Amino acid sequence: MTQPASRSVGHYQYEERDRVFLQERINEFEGQVRRRLSGELGEEEFKPLRLMNGVYLQLHAYMLRVAIPYGVLDSRQLHKLADIAAKYDRNYGHFTTRQNIQFNWIALKDVPTILRELAEVDMHAIQTSGNCIRNVTSDEFAGAAKDELMDPRIHAEIVRQWSTLHPEFTFLPRKFKIAISGSPEDRVAARFHDIGLLARPGENGPLFRLFVGGGLGRTPVVGRELFDSVKEEDLIATLEAVLRVYNAFGRRDNLYKARIKILVQTIGLEAFRTAVEEELGRMDCAAYRLTPEHVAQIRARFALPDLKAPADAADVLEQHKKADPAFARWVASNTHPHQDEGHVCAVISLKTPGDIPGDVTVEQMHGLADLSERLSFGEVRVTHLQNLVFGHVRKDQLHELWQGLKALGLAAPNVGLISDIVSCPGLDYCNLANARSLPLAQKLGARFGDAALQAEIGTLSIHMSGCINACGHHHVGNIGLLGVDKRGAETYQILLGGDAGEQAAIGGILGPSFAEDEAVDAVARIVEFYLGQRQKGETFSAMLKRCGLKAFKEVAYETV
C-alpha cells in the first residue's frame, strides 16, 4: 500500500488502524458487488449496500461520491482523483455542495478497485449517501481565517470519528447533515442543516451555538437555535442526545416527512429542547466528555504549515496589482484575509463563465495539485459553493499562483459575483431531476460573463436545482432557479431573496415557470431593474425588501 511521503497539511493523518478498517470495508463491499454482478443479489437488495459505500445508480451509469471530510485534500489525493477520472470516468470530476467529489460514469465492476486506489491515499466513500450522518462540512477557510475563534476541522474530525458506523445512527429515518464553523460569521449555511454549529466568544473560551431543524428540499426550513452556549467538552454528548431524540421520534412511515426539520416543526422547538435535555439527563455524559487531552490528541494529528513570508510580501503584492489591473481584479474578488499578515486565502473559481459549475478536468486537477505543492503547502480545500481554496498563499507569490491558474483556465475573477453560479448536475445525470440545470447555468454564466458588468452588479448569488430536492440550494440564492416539469416540458421557476448567511432567508417564488431561454431573459431583466433602481450601496436583498416581490415580478414577466 502506498504511504504518504510526508505529513500533509490540513487534515487528519491516518493511523494504521484507519487503513486496516478501510481495507476490511472494501473487502466486504467487493463481495457484495460480485454477488450483484452474478445476479445473486437483485438491485433492490443491493441498493442499501451500495449506498453505504457512496454508489448511486443514475440515469446513464453508476455514480461514485467520494468523501472529502470537512473539504480538505492534499496534493497526492488530488493527483489520485485525477488518475481515477482518467482511468475509470470521462476525464473530469464534479465537486458538490457537500464538499465532496462525484464521478458520474463509473462501471460497477470497477468500484472495488477504485476504492482500493482511494484507500492508498487515505480516502473513501463511506457515509456519502444513505440514511446516516453524512460527510461533515466546514468553513473552507478553517485554520486560516482572520476572524476564526477555533479551528473547526478539529471538531469536524471528532464528529467524523464519532459518527462513522455509529451503531445507533447507521439507519436513521433520513439522511442527516452537520456543518461546523469556527467563526461567528456563517460561512457554512449552518441554519440550513439538520445541525449547524457556529463558534462564538465565551468567558473561558469559544462556545458553540447549535441550530437544529434546518434544511432545503421539498419543505425548506430555516433552522432554529436550540442551544446558544454548548461547551467544547459537551459537544459530542449534545449531538448524541439530539440524534437519539430524532432516531426515536422521527417519522419512518413517510419519506417526505422523515427529516428532523419536520419533527421539530411538528412538536415545536421547546418540546424538542426538553426531549434533548431529558435524554442528556439519562445519558452517561461523562463517557462522551471531550477532555482537553482528547482534543489535543486529535489536533496533534493535523500538520500545521510553517508560515514564513518575507517582510516585503505585502509590498510585492501591491506592486503586482498596480502593474496588472486584471490581476488586481482577481485579488479583489478571489482572496480572503488570513490570520498571518504575510499570507492570504486564495479562492479558485470553478465557474469560468460558460463552463459547467463545479466540473474540473484531469489536466486541471493535476495542475492544481502541482500548484498547491509549490505555493500552498500541498493543501487544497473544497467549498460548499463548488469552488476550491488554497488556504495559505504568500502575498508575494499570489501573482505566480494567478499566472498558473490562467494557464489552467481557472482564473475567473468572479467569486461571490453573479457568474459564480451554484448548480446540481440536474437531468443530464440525475434520475430524480425534472429539468437540466447545467445548460441553463452555462447560458447564465455566459450572459453575465463580462468582468465590467459583474463588477457593476457586485455581490449577487445565483443557485439552481434540477428538482425539488434542492441539491443546488436554489432556495438560498439571491436569485434561485428550480427545474419543474410543465406538461412534459423542462421549465424553470424563479425565486428571489434567498440568503444562506446570518440573515438566513428562503427565496420567494416569483410566479409561473419559464422555458430555458425565457428564464435567462427574465433573470437579465431582474438584474437590469436592480441596477437601475438600487440606492447607493444597496444589496439585492435589501432592494427586494424595499421594493417588494411584486415590482420584480412585473419586470420579469413584462414580455412573457
Protein backbone atom coordinates (compact mmCIF):
# COMPACT_ATOMS: atom_id res chain seq x y z
CA MET A 1 0.00 0.00 0.00
CA THR A 2 1.27 3.46 -0.88
CA GLN A 3 2.19 5.51 2.18
CA PRO A 4 2.45 9.30 2.24
CA ALA A 5 5.99 10.56 1.78
CA SER A 6 5.45 13.19 4.46
CA ARG A 7 2.77 14.58 6.71
CA SER A 8 0.50 16.70 4.55
CA VAL A 9 -1.03 19.89 5.85
CA GLY A 10 -4.69 20.44 6.55
CA HIS A 11 -6.39 17.23 7.58
CA TYR A 12 -6.25 14.32 9.96
CA GLN A 13 -3.34 11.96 9.37
CA TYR A 14 -4.46 8.33 9.21
CA GLU A 15 -3.06 5.70 11.53
CA GLU A 16 -2.61 2.05 10.60
CA ARG A 17 -5.91 1.08 12.23
CA ASP A 18 -7.70 3.57 9.95
CA ARG A 19 -6.15 1.90 6.92
CA VAL A 20 -6.98 -1.61 8.15
CA PHE A 21 -10.59 -0.53 8.65
CA LEU A 22 -10.82 0.76 5.07
CA GLN A 23 -9.41 -2.47 3.65
CA GLU A 24 -11.89 -4.55 5.63
CA ARG A 25 -14.74 -2.39 4.41
CA ILE A 26 -13.60 -2.65 0.77
CA ASN A 27 -13.24 -6.43 1.02
CA GLU A 28 -16.81 -6.67 2.31
CA PHE A 29 -18.21 -4.46 -0.46
CA GLU A 30 -16.21 -6.26 -3.14
CA GLY A 31 -18.05 -9.45 -2.23
CA GLN A 32 -21.39 -7.64 -2.42
CA VAL A 33 -20.54 -6.23 -5.86
CA ARG A 34 -19.53 -9.68 -7.06
CA ARG A 35 -22.87 -11.08 -5.91
CA ARG A 36 -24.76 -8.26 -7.64
CA LEU A 37 -22.92 -8.77 -10.93
CA SER A 38 -23.59 -12.51 -10.81
CA GLY A 39 -27.30 -11.94 -10.22
CA GLU A 40 -27.25 -13.44 -6.74
CA LEU A 41 -28.36 -10.03 -5.40
CA GLY A 42 -31.14 -8.06 -7.08
CA GLU A 43 -30.96 -4.27 -7.40
CA GLU A 44 -33.36 -3.67 -4.50
CA GLU A 45 -31.31 -5.93 -2.24
CA PHE A 46 -28.09 -4.31 -3.41
CA LYS A 47 -29.30 -0.69 -3.12
CA PRO A 48 -28.81 -0.19 0.65
CA LEU A 49 -25.40 -1.88 0.43
CA ARG A 50 -24.12 0.33 -2.40
CA LEU A 51 -25.49 3.48 -0.79
CA MET A 52 -23.47 2.74 2.35
CA ASN A 53 -20.42 2.88 0.08
CA GLY A 54 -21.27 6.04 -1.85
CA VAL A 55 -22.56 4.36 -5.02
CA TYR A 56 -25.67 5.72 -6.76
CA LEU A 57 -27.48 4.41 -9.84
CA GLN A 58 -28.18 7.43 -12.05
CA LEU A 59 -29.75 7.84 -15.49
CA HIS A 60 -26.86 6.52 -17.57
CA ALA A 61 -24.40 4.86 -15.23
CA TYR A 62 -23.39 4.33 -11.63
CA MET A 63 -22.06 7.40 -9.82
CA LEU A 64 -19.45 7.26 -7.06
CA ARG A 65 -19.42 10.04 -4.48
CA VAL A 66 -16.06 10.29 -2.73
CA ALA A 67 -15.87 11.80 0.76
CA ILE A 68 -13.70 14.84 1.36
CA PRO A 69 -14.05 15.28 5.13
CA TYR A 70 -14.55 18.96 6.01
CA GLY A 71 -13.49 19.75 2.46
CA VAL A 72 -9.71 19.29 2.80
CA LEU A 73 -7.49 17.49 0.28
CA ASP A 74 -3.76 17.18 -0.08
CA SER A 75 -1.92 17.20 -3.39
CA ARG A 76 -1.36 13.43 -3.55
CA GLN A 77 -5.10 12.89 -3.07
CA LEU A 78 -5.96 15.36 -5.82
CA HIS A 79 -3.48 13.64 -8.14
CA LYS A 80 -5.18 10.32 -7.32
CA LEU A 81 -8.65 11.74 -8.05
CA ALA A 82 -7.33 12.90 -11.42
CA ASP A 83 -5.93 9.44 -12.14
CA ILE A 84 -9.29 7.84 -11.29
CA ALA A 85 -11.14 10.30 -13.53
CA ALA A 86 -8.79 9.46 -16.41
CA LYS A 87 -8.86 5.70 -15.96
CA TYR A 88 -12.43 4.98 -14.87
CA ASP A 89 -14.52 8.03 -15.82
CA ARG A 90 -14.57 10.58 -18.66
CA ASN A 91 -11.63 12.78 -17.68
CA TYR A 92 -13.33 15.02 -15.14
CA GLY A 93 -14.84 15.10 -11.67
CA HIS A 94 -17.68 17.20 -10.24
CA PHE A 95 -17.29 18.99 -6.90
CA THR A 96 -20.54 19.19 -4.96
CA THR A 97 -22.28 21.43 -2.43
CA ARG A 98 -21.35 18.86 0.26
CA GLN A 99 -17.60 19.44 -0.31
CA ASN A 100 -17.35 16.00 -1.95
CA ILE A 101 -16.42 14.94 -5.49
CA GLN A 102 -18.56 12.79 -7.78
CA PHE A 103 -17.60 10.58 -10.71
CA ASN A 104 -20.64 10.23 -12.95
CA TRP A 105 -19.65 7.46 -15.40
CA ILE A 106 -18.40 4.61 -13.23
CA ALA A 107 -18.76 0.91 -14.11
CA LEU A 108 -19.92 -1.10 -11.09
CA LYS A 109 -17.27 -3.76 -11.69
CA ASP A 110 -14.58 -1.11 -11.21
CA VAL A 111 -15.84 0.32 -7.91
CA PRO A 112 -13.89 -2.01 -5.55
CA THR A 113 -10.70 -1.28 -7.48
CA ILE A 114 -11.37 2.47 -7.31
CA LEU A 115 -11.99 2.22 -3.57
CA ARG A 116 -8.65 0.43 -3.15
CA GLU A 117 -6.90 3.18 -5.09
CA LEU A 118 -8.60 5.79 -2.91
CA ALA A 119 -7.52 3.92 0.22
CA GLU A 120 -3.90 4.17 -0.94
CA VAL A 121 -4.16 7.93 -0.27
CA ASP A 122 -6.39 7.66 2.81
CA MET A 123 -9.70 8.37 1.06
CA HIS A 124 -13.05 6.57 0.95
CA ALA A 125 -16.74 6.92 0.06
CA ILE A 126 -18.27 5.89 3.39
CA GLN A 127 -21.38 7.80 4.54
CA THR A 128 -21.60 9.97 1.44
CA SER A 129 -25.09 8.55 0.93
CA GLY A 130 -27.79 6.63 2.79
CA ASN A 131 -29.81 7.47 5.90
CA CYS A 132 -26.85 8.15 8.13
CA ILE A 133 -24.77 11.10 9.34
CA ARG A 134 -23.27 12.36 6.10
CA ASN A 135 -19.86 13.87 5.45
CA VAL A 136 -19.43 16.76 7.90
CA THR A 137 -18.83 20.10 6.17
CA SER A 138 -16.85 23.05 7.48
CA ASP A 139 -15.60 26.54 6.73
CA GLU A 140 -13.31 26.49 3.69
CA PHE A 141 -11.02 28.98 5.45
CA ALA A 142 -10.72 26.82 8.60
CA GLY A 143 -7.41 27.18 10.37
CA ALA A 144 -6.56 30.26 8.31
CA ALA A 145 -9.40 32.80 8.58
CA LYS A 146 -8.58 36.06 10.32
CA ASP A 147 -11.90 36.08 12.22
CA GLU A 148 -11.66 32.48 13.45
CA LEU A 149 -12.17 31.65 17.14
CA MET A 150 -11.28 27.96 16.83
CA ASP A 151 -10.18 25.60 14.08
CA PRO A 152 -13.40 23.73 13.21
CA ARG A 153 -11.54 20.97 11.35
CA ILE A 154 -10.54 19.52 14.71
CA HIS A 155 -14.16 19.26 15.82
CA ALA A 156 -15.32 18.12 12.39
CA GLU A 157 -12.82 15.26 12.61
CA ILE A 158 -14.03 14.39 16.11
CA VAL A 159 -17.61 14.31 14.81
CA ARG A 160 -16.49 12.19 11.85
CA GLN A 161 -14.90 9.61 14.13
CA TRP A 162 -17.90 9.60 16.49
CA SER A 163 -20.42 9.23 13.67
CA THR A 164 -18.68 6.73 11.36
CA LEU A 165 -20.64 3.48 11.51
CA HIS A 166 -22.30 4.61 14.75
CA PRO A 167 -24.39 1.56 15.72
CA GLU A 168 -27.49 3.61 16.57
CA PHE A 169 -27.30 6.08 13.71
CA THR A 170 -26.44 3.97 10.67
CA PHE A 171 -30.12 3.65 9.69
CA LEU A 172 -31.77 6.92 10.66
CA PRO A 173 -35.24 7.94 9.46
CA ARG A 174 -33.47 10.02 6.75
CA LYS A 175 -30.07 11.43 5.88
CA PHE A 176 -28.52 13.79 8.44
CA LYS A 177 -26.19 16.68 7.66
CA ILE A 178 -23.93 18.61 10.06
CA ALA A 179 -21.92 21.78 9.36
CA ILE A 180 -19.37 23.45 11.66
CA SER A 181 -17.82 26.92 11.53
CA GLY A 182 -15.10 28.16 13.87
CA SER A 183 -16.12 31.74 13.17
CA PRO A 184 -19.20 33.68 14.29
CA GLU A 185 -19.74 34.52 10.63
CA ASP A 186 -21.83 31.85 8.98
CA ARG A 187 -19.80 30.58 6.01
CA VAL A 188 -21.29 27.07 6.13
CA ALA A 189 -25.07 27.72 5.77
CA ALA A 190 -25.45 26.48 9.36
CA ARG A 191 -29.15 27.35 9.55
CA PHE A 192 -29.91 25.08 6.59
CA HIS A 193 -28.51 21.89 8.08
CA ASP A 194 -30.03 19.27 10.34
CA ILE A 195 -27.49 20.55 12.85
CA GLY A 196 -25.42 23.68 12.31
CA LEU A 197 -22.68 24.79 14.71
CA LEU A 198 -21.25 28.30 14.88
CA ALA A 199 -18.46 29.27 17.27
CA ARG A 200 -18.97 32.34 19.43
CA PRO A 201 -16.83 34.00 22.13
CA GLY A 202 -17.26 32.81 25.73
CA GLU A 203 -15.74 33.91 29.02
CA ASN A 204 -13.50 30.84 29.22
CA GLY A 205 -13.02 30.19 25.54
CA PRO A 206 -15.20 29.69 22.45
CA LEU A 207 -18.66 28.16 22.73
CA PHE A 208 -20.95 26.68 20.08
CA ARG A 209 -24.31 27.99 19.00
CA LEU A 210 -26.30 24.92 17.93
CA PHE A 211 -29.01 25.28 15.29
CA VAL A 212 -31.37 22.39 14.60
CA GLY A 213 -34.03 21.50 12.06
CA GLY A 214 -32.85 23.44 9.04
CA GLY A 215 -32.93 22.10 5.53
CA LEU A 216 -33.97 22.67 1.93
CA GLY A 217 -35.68 20.24 -0.42
CA ARG A 218 -39.43 19.82 -0.66
CA THR A 219 -40.00 21.66 2.64
CA PRO A 220 -37.37 24.40 3.07
CA VAL A 221 -36.91 25.46 6.69
CA VAL A 222 -34.56 27.90 8.43
CA GLY A 223 -33.02 26.11 11.41
CA ARG A 224 -33.63 27.45 14.89
CA GLU A 225 -31.20 27.93 17.75
CA LEU A 226 -31.56 25.01 20.16
CA PHE A 227 -28.68 26.00 22.46
CA ASP A 228 -26.53 29.13 22.46
CA SER A 229 -23.66 28.03 24.70
CA VAL A 230 -22.56 24.44 24.08
CA LYS A 231 -19.14 23.89 25.66
CA GLU A 232 -16.47 22.04 23.73
CA GLU A 233 -16.44 19.29 26.36
CA ASP A 234 -20.19 18.77 25.91
CA LEU A 235 -20.26 18.78 22.11
CA ILE A 236 -20.45 15.05 21.42
CA ALA A 237 -22.86 14.36 24.29
CA THR A 238 -25.19 17.06 22.95
CA LEU A 239 -25.01 15.73 19.40
CA GLU A 240 -25.66 12.21 20.69
CA ALA A 241 -28.75 13.38 22.57
CA VAL A 242 -30.16 15.25 19.55
CA LEU A 243 -29.64 12.23 17.31
CA ARG A 244 -31.20 9.87 19.85
CA VAL A 245 -34.33 12.00 20.06
CA TYR A 246 -34.55 12.19 16.27
CA ASN A 247 -33.92 8.47 15.86
CA ALA A 248 -36.64 7.65 18.39
CA PHE A 249 -39.34 10.05 17.19
CA GLY A 250 -38.57 10.85 13.54
CA ARG A 251 -41.13 9.62 11.00
CA ARG A 252 -40.28 6.37 9.21
CA ASP A 253 -43.64 5.86 7.50
CA ASN A 254 -43.36 8.80 5.10
CA LEU A 255 -40.20 9.63 3.16
CA TYR A 256 -41.20 13.26 2.76
CA LYS A 257 -41.81 13.81 6.47
CA ALA A 258 -38.81 11.95 7.85
CA ARG A 259 -36.24 14.72 8.23
CA ILE A 260 -35.55 16.23 11.65
CA LYS A 261 -36.92 19.58 10.43
CA ILE A 262 -40.40 18.01 10.26
CA LEU A 263 -40.07 16.59 13.78
CA VAL A 264 -39.03 19.98 15.19
CA GLN A 265 -41.87 21.70 13.34
CA THR A 266 -44.40 19.14 14.50
CA ILE A 267 -43.64 19.10 18.22
CA GLY A 268 -42.20 22.62 18.47
CA LEU A 269 -38.73 23.82 19.39
CA GLU A 270 -39.39 23.96 23.14
CA ALA A 271 -40.71 20.40 23.28
CA PHE A 272 -37.76 19.22 21.22
CA ARG A 273 -35.32 21.04 23.53
CA THR A 274 -36.98 19.44 26.56
CA ALA A 275 -36.68 15.99 24.97
CA VAL A 276 -32.96 16.56 24.30
CA GLU A 277 -32.35 17.81 27.85
CA GLU A 278 -34.18 14.79 29.27
CA GLU A 279 -32.07 12.50 27.10
CA LEU A 280 -28.93 14.20 28.36
CA GLY A 281 -30.16 13.58 31.89
CA ARG A 282 -30.49 9.85 31.18
CA MET A 283 -27.13 9.54 29.43
CA ASP A 284 -23.77 8.85 30.99
CA CYS A 285 -22.45 12.16 29.70
CA ALA A 286 -19.04 11.56 31.26
CA ALA A 287 -18.50 8.81 28.70
CA TYR A 288 -18.90 11.39 25.89
CA ARG A 289 -16.96 14.23 27.50
CA LEU A 290 -14.35 15.83 25.27
CA THR A 291 -11.42 16.45 27.57
CA PRO A 292 -8.62 18.87 26.62
CA GLU A 293 -6.45 15.78 26.22
CA HIS A 294 -8.87 14.26 23.69
CA VAL A 295 -8.96 17.45 21.65
CA ALA A 296 -5.18 17.84 21.83
CA GLN A 297 -4.73 14.26 20.63
CA ILE A 298 -6.81 14.93 17.52
CA ARG A 299 -5.18 18.32 16.94
CA ALA A 300 -1.77 16.62 17.02
CA ARG A 301 -2.86 14.51 14.02
CA PHE A 302 -3.06 17.69 11.91
CA ALA A 303 0.17 19.02 10.42
CA LEU A 304 0.36 22.81 10.63
CA PRO A 305 2.00 24.96 7.95
CA ASP A 306 5.21 26.80 8.70
CA LEU A 307 4.02 30.30 7.82
CA LYS A 308 7.04 32.36 6.90
CA ALA A 309 6.78 35.23 4.47
CA PRO A 310 9.32 37.91 3.53
CA ALA A 311 8.88 41.24 5.29
CA ASP A 312 8.08 42.92 1.97
CA ALA A 313 5.47 40.31 0.87
CA ALA A 314 2.58 42.79 1.10
CA ASP A 315 4.57 45.44 -0.81
CA VAL A 316 5.34 42.96 -3.59
CA LEU A 317 1.64 42.13 -3.86
CA GLU A 318 0.74 45.81 -4.19
CA GLN A 319 3.36 46.24 -6.91
CA HIS A 320 1.91 43.31 -8.86
CA LYS A 321 -1.60 44.73 -8.52
CA LYS A 322 -0.55 48.16 -9.79
CA ALA A 323 1.27 46.61 -12.74
CA ASP A 324 -1.60 44.36 -13.80
CA PRO A 325 -5.25 45.53 -13.46
CA ALA A 326 -6.57 42.07 -14.39
CA PHE A 327 -4.63 40.54 -11.52
CA ALA A 328 -5.86 43.29 -9.17
CA ARG A 329 -9.45 42.49 -10.14
CA TRP A 330 -8.87 38.80 -9.37
CA VAL A 331 -7.31 39.63 -5.99
CA ALA A 332 -10.28 41.83 -5.10
CA SER A 333 -12.84 39.06 -5.66
CA ASN A 334 -10.91 35.83 -5.11
CA THR A 335 -8.96 36.30 -1.86
CA HIS A 336 -9.88 36.20 1.83
CA PRO A 337 -7.98 37.67 4.83
CA HIS A 338 -5.56 35.30 6.55
CA GLN A 339 -4.53 35.14 10.21
CA ASP A 340 -0.94 35.82 9.14
CA GLU A 341 -0.30 39.24 7.61
CA GLY A 342 2.06 37.78 5.03
CA HIS A 343 -0.48 35.32 3.62
CA VAL A 344 -3.94 35.21 2.08
CA CYS A 345 -6.52 32.54 1.33
CA ALA A 346 -6.99 32.27 -2.45
CA VAL A 347 -10.33 31.10 -3.84
CA ILE A 348 -10.16 29.29 -7.18
CA SER A 349 -13.36 29.71 -9.15
CA LEU A 350 -14.69 26.59 -10.85
CA LYS A 351 -17.24 28.81 -12.61
CA THR A 352 -15.50 30.21 -15.67
CA PRO A 353 -18.45 31.89 -17.44
CA GLY A 354 -19.97 29.45 -19.92
CA ASP A 355 -18.42 26.35 -18.32
CA ILE A 356 -20.17 23.76 -16.13
CA PRO A 357 -20.13 24.79 -12.45
CA GLY A 358 -18.06 22.51 -10.23
CA ASP A 359 -16.50 20.43 -13.03
CA VAL A 360 -12.70 20.01 -13.09
CA THR A 361 -10.78 18.17 -15.79
CA VAL A 362 -7.98 15.68 -15.24
CA GLU A 363 -5.42 18.20 -16.51
CA GLN A 364 -6.76 20.87 -14.17
CA MET A 365 -6.68 18.54 -11.16
CA HIS A 366 -3.07 17.58 -11.81
CA GLY A 367 -2.17 21.21 -12.41
CA LEU A 368 -3.87 22.36 -9.20
CA ALA A 369 -2.12 19.64 -7.23
CA ASP A 370 1.24 20.80 -8.58
CA LEU A 371 0.46 24.46 -7.82
CA SER A 372 -0.60 23.57 -4.29
CA GLU A 373 2.66 21.74 -3.66
CA ARG A 374 4.62 24.77 -4.77
CA LEU A 375 2.51 27.58 -3.34
CA SER A 376 0.15 26.32 -0.61
CA PHE A 377 1.85 23.55 1.39
CA GLY A 378 0.29 20.83 -0.78
CA GLU A 379 -3.22 21.58 0.50
CA VAL A 380 -6.50 22.22 -1.35
CA ARG A 381 -9.92 22.91 0.17
CA VAL A 382 -13.35 22.38 -1.40
CA THR A 383 -16.12 24.89 -0.67
CA HIS A 384 -19.84 24.19 -0.33
CA LEU A 385 -20.25 26.70 -3.17
CA GLN A 386 -18.37 24.37 -5.57
CA ASN A 387 -15.09 26.27 -5.67
CA LEU A 388 -11.62 25.42 -4.37
CA VAL A 389 -9.34 27.25 -1.95
CA PHE A 390 -5.60 27.43 -1.39
CA GLY A 391 -5.59 28.26 2.31
CA HIS A 392 -2.07 29.62 2.82
CA VAL A 393 -0.57 31.58 -0.06
CA ARG A 394 2.25 34.07 0.49
CA LYS A 395 1.27 37.53 -0.71
CA ASP A 396 4.44 37.86 -2.76
CA GLN A 397 3.62 34.55 -4.54
CA LEU A 398 -0.03 35.32 -5.29
CA HIS A 399 0.77 36.66 -8.76
CA GLU A 400 2.62 33.44 -9.57
CA LEU A 401 -0.44 31.46 -8.47
CA TRP A 402 -2.71 33.60 -10.64
CA GLN A 403 -0.50 33.01 -13.68
CA GLY A 404 -0.61 29.27 -13.02
CA LEU A 405 -4.38 29.37 -12.74
CA LYS A 406 -4.64 31.31 -16.01
CA ALA A 407 -2.70 28.56 -17.74
CA LEU A 408 -5.23 26.04 -16.39
CA GLY A 409 -8.25 28.13 -17.39
CA LEU A 410 -9.19 28.65 -13.73
CA ALA A 411 -8.51 32.35 -13.15
CA ALA A 412 -12.06 33.72 -13.42
CA PRO A 413 -12.25 36.81 -11.13
CA ASN A 414 -15.85 36.17 -10.11
CA VAL A 415 -16.07 34.65 -6.61
CA GLY A 416 -19.24 35.95 -4.97
CA LEU A 417 -20.34 37.63 -8.21
CA ILE A 418 -23.25 36.78 -10.47
CA SER A 419 -21.42 34.26 -12.67
CA ASP A 420 -20.24 32.27 -9.62
CA ILE A 421 -23.27 30.03 -10.14
CA VAL A 422 -24.04 27.03 -7.92
CA SER A 423 -25.75 24.16 -9.73
CA CYS A 424 -26.56 20.48 -9.29
CA PRO A 425 -25.96 18.07 -12.22
CA GLY A 426 -29.71 18.01 -12.99
CA LEU A 427 -31.39 15.88 -15.63
CA ASP A 428 -28.17 15.33 -17.57
CA TYR A 429 -27.34 12.73 -14.91
CA CYS A 430 -29.86 12.51 -12.07
CA ASN A 431 -32.92 10.29 -12.36
CA LEU A 432 -34.75 12.43 -9.79
CA ALA A 433 -34.47 15.67 -11.78
CA ASN A 434 -37.26 17.33 -13.74
CA ALA A 435 -35.03 19.54 -15.86
CA ARG A 436 -31.44 20.07 -16.86
CA SER A 437 -29.50 22.54 -14.72
CA LEU A 438 -26.13 22.66 -16.40
CA PRO A 439 -27.09 24.16 -19.82
CA LEU A 440 -29.03 26.93 -18.08
CA ALA A 441 -26.10 27.60 -15.74
CA GLN A 442 -23.80 27.83 -18.76
CA LYS A 443 -26.11 30.27 -20.54
CA LEU A 444 -26.48 32.48 -17.48
CA GLY A 445 -22.73 32.41 -16.87
CA ALA A 446 -22.09 33.49 -20.45
CA ARG A 447 -24.82 36.17 -20.30
CA PHE A 448 -23.19 37.80 -17.28
CA GLY A 449 -19.60 36.89 -18.07
CA ASP A 450 -18.35 40.40 -18.81
CA ALA A 451 -16.00 41.41 -15.99
CA ALA A 452 -17.06 45.08 -16.02
CA LEU A 453 -20.75 44.13 -15.81
CA GLN A 454 -20.09 41.77 -12.91
CA ALA A 455 -18.17 44.46 -11.07
CA GLU A 456 -21.08 46.88 -11.60
CA ILE A 457 -23.61 44.35 -10.28
CA GLY A 458 -21.47 43.46 -7.25
CA THR A 459 -22.19 40.64 -4.85
CA LEU A 460 -25.18 38.61 -6.07
CA SER A 461 -25.68 34.84 -5.98
CA ILE A 462 -27.48 32.53 -8.40
CA HIS A 463 -28.30 28.96 -7.32
CA MET A 464 -30.15 26.38 -9.39
CA SER A 465 -31.53 22.88 -8.92
CA GLY A 466 -32.99 20.41 -11.38
CA CYS A 467 -35.67 19.28 -8.94
CA ILE A 468 -37.30 19.99 -5.60
CA ASN A 469 -34.61 18.03 -3.74
CA ALA A 470 -32.55 21.24 -3.97
CA CYS A 471 -29.02 19.87 -4.34
CA GLY A 472 -28.15 23.21 -5.93
CA HIS A 473 -29.58 25.09 -2.91
CA HIS A 474 -31.87 27.20 -5.10
CA HIS A 475 -33.87 28.38 -2.07
CA VAL A 476 -30.92 30.37 -0.67
CA GLY A 477 -29.67 32.10 -3.81
CA ASN A 478 -30.40 35.81 -4.14
CA ILE A 479 -31.80 34.51 -7.42
CA GLY A 480 -32.82 30.85 -7.41
CA LEU A 481 -33.96 28.68 -10.28
CA LEU A 482 -35.84 25.41 -9.88
CA GLY A 483 -36.37 22.96 -12.71
CA VAL A 484 -40.00 21.82 -12.99
CA ASP A 485 -41.87 19.53 -15.37
CA LYS A 486 -44.64 21.50 -17.08
CA ARG A 487 -46.75 19.08 -19.09
CA GLY A 488 -43.67 17.19 -20.22
CA ALA A 489 -41.56 20.28 -20.90
CA GLU A 490 -38.49 21.38 -18.93
CA THR A 491 -39.21 24.77 -17.37
CA TYR A 492 -37.74 26.89 -14.58
CA GLN A 493 -39.33 28.60 -11.62
CA ILE A 494 -37.56 31.74 -10.33
CA LEU A 495 -37.19 32.55 -6.64
CA LEU A 496 -35.86 35.82 -5.22
CA GLY A 497 -34.40 36.86 -1.88
CA GLY A 498 -32.70 33.74 -0.55
CA ASP A 499 -29.77 34.05 1.87
CA ALA A 500 -27.65 31.30 3.46
CA GLY A 501 -25.79 33.52 5.93
CA GLU A 502 -26.57 35.48 9.08
CA GLN A 503 -29.78 36.88 7.56
CA ALA A 504 -30.94 33.40 6.59
CA ALA A 505 -33.94 33.51 4.29
CA ILE A 506 -35.80 31.29 1.83
CA GLY A 507 -36.42 32.84 -1.56
CA GLY A 508 -39.96 33.77 -2.54
CA ILE A 509 -41.46 32.22 -5.69
CA LEU A 510 -41.86 34.85 -8.40
CA GLY A 511 -44.63 33.17 -10.39
CA PRO A 512 -45.19 30.66 -13.22
CA SER A 513 -42.16 28.89 -14.65
CA PHE A 514 -40.22 29.93 -17.76
CA ALA A 515 -38.77 27.99 -20.67
CA GLU A 516 -34.97 27.86 -20.61
CA ASP A 517 -34.19 30.86 -22.83
CA GLU A 518 -37.08 32.82 -21.33
CA ALA A 519 -35.57 32.20 -17.88
CA VAL A 520 -32.25 33.67 -18.99
CA ASP A 521 -34.00 36.78 -20.33
CA ALA A 522 -36.13 37.09 -17.19
CA VAL A 523 -33.05 36.98 -14.95
CA ALA A 524 -31.41 39.61 -17.16
CA ARG A 525 -34.45 41.91 -16.77
CA ILE A 526 -34.42 41.38 -13.00
CA VAL A 527 -30.75 42.32 -12.81
CA GLU A 528 -31.24 45.33 -15.07
CA PHE A 529 -34.09 46.50 -12.84
CA TYR A 530 -31.86 46.10 -9.80
CA LEU A 531 -29.08 48.15 -11.38
CA GLY A 532 -31.49 50.87 -12.41
CA GLN A 533 -33.40 51.21 -9.14
CA ARG A 534 -30.97 50.40 -6.34
CA GLN A 535 -29.87 53.06 -3.92
CA LYS A 536 -26.22 53.71 -3.19
CA GLY A 537 -24.64 50.67 -1.52
CA GLU A 538 -27.92 48.74 -1.55
CA THR A 539 -27.67 44.97 -1.89
CA PHE A 540 -30.05 42.91 -3.99
CA SER A 541 -31.78 41.51 -0.89
CA ALA A 542 -32.13 44.98 0.65
CA MET A 543 -33.68 46.38 -2.52
CA LEU A 544 -36.05 43.42 -2.75
CA LYS A 545 -37.26 44.14 0.77
CA ARG A 546 -37.70 47.82 -0.06
CA CYS A 547 -39.48 47.38 -3.41
CA GLY A 548 -41.26 44.10 -2.80
CA LEU A 549 -41.52 40.92 -4.86
CA LYS A 550 -44.36 42.34 -6.96
CA ALA A 551 -42.16 45.01 -8.52
CA PHE A 552 -39.62 42.40 -9.64
CA LYS A 553 -42.40 40.13 -10.90
CA GLU A 554 -43.76 42.83 -13.18
CA VAL A 555 -40.32 43.28 -14.69
CA ALA A 556 -39.65 39.56 -15.08
CA TYR A 557 -42.92 38.84 -16.90
CA GLU A 558 -43.22 42.03 -18.92
CA THR A 559 -42.66 40.34 -22.31
CA VAL A 560 -43.90 36.82 -21.48
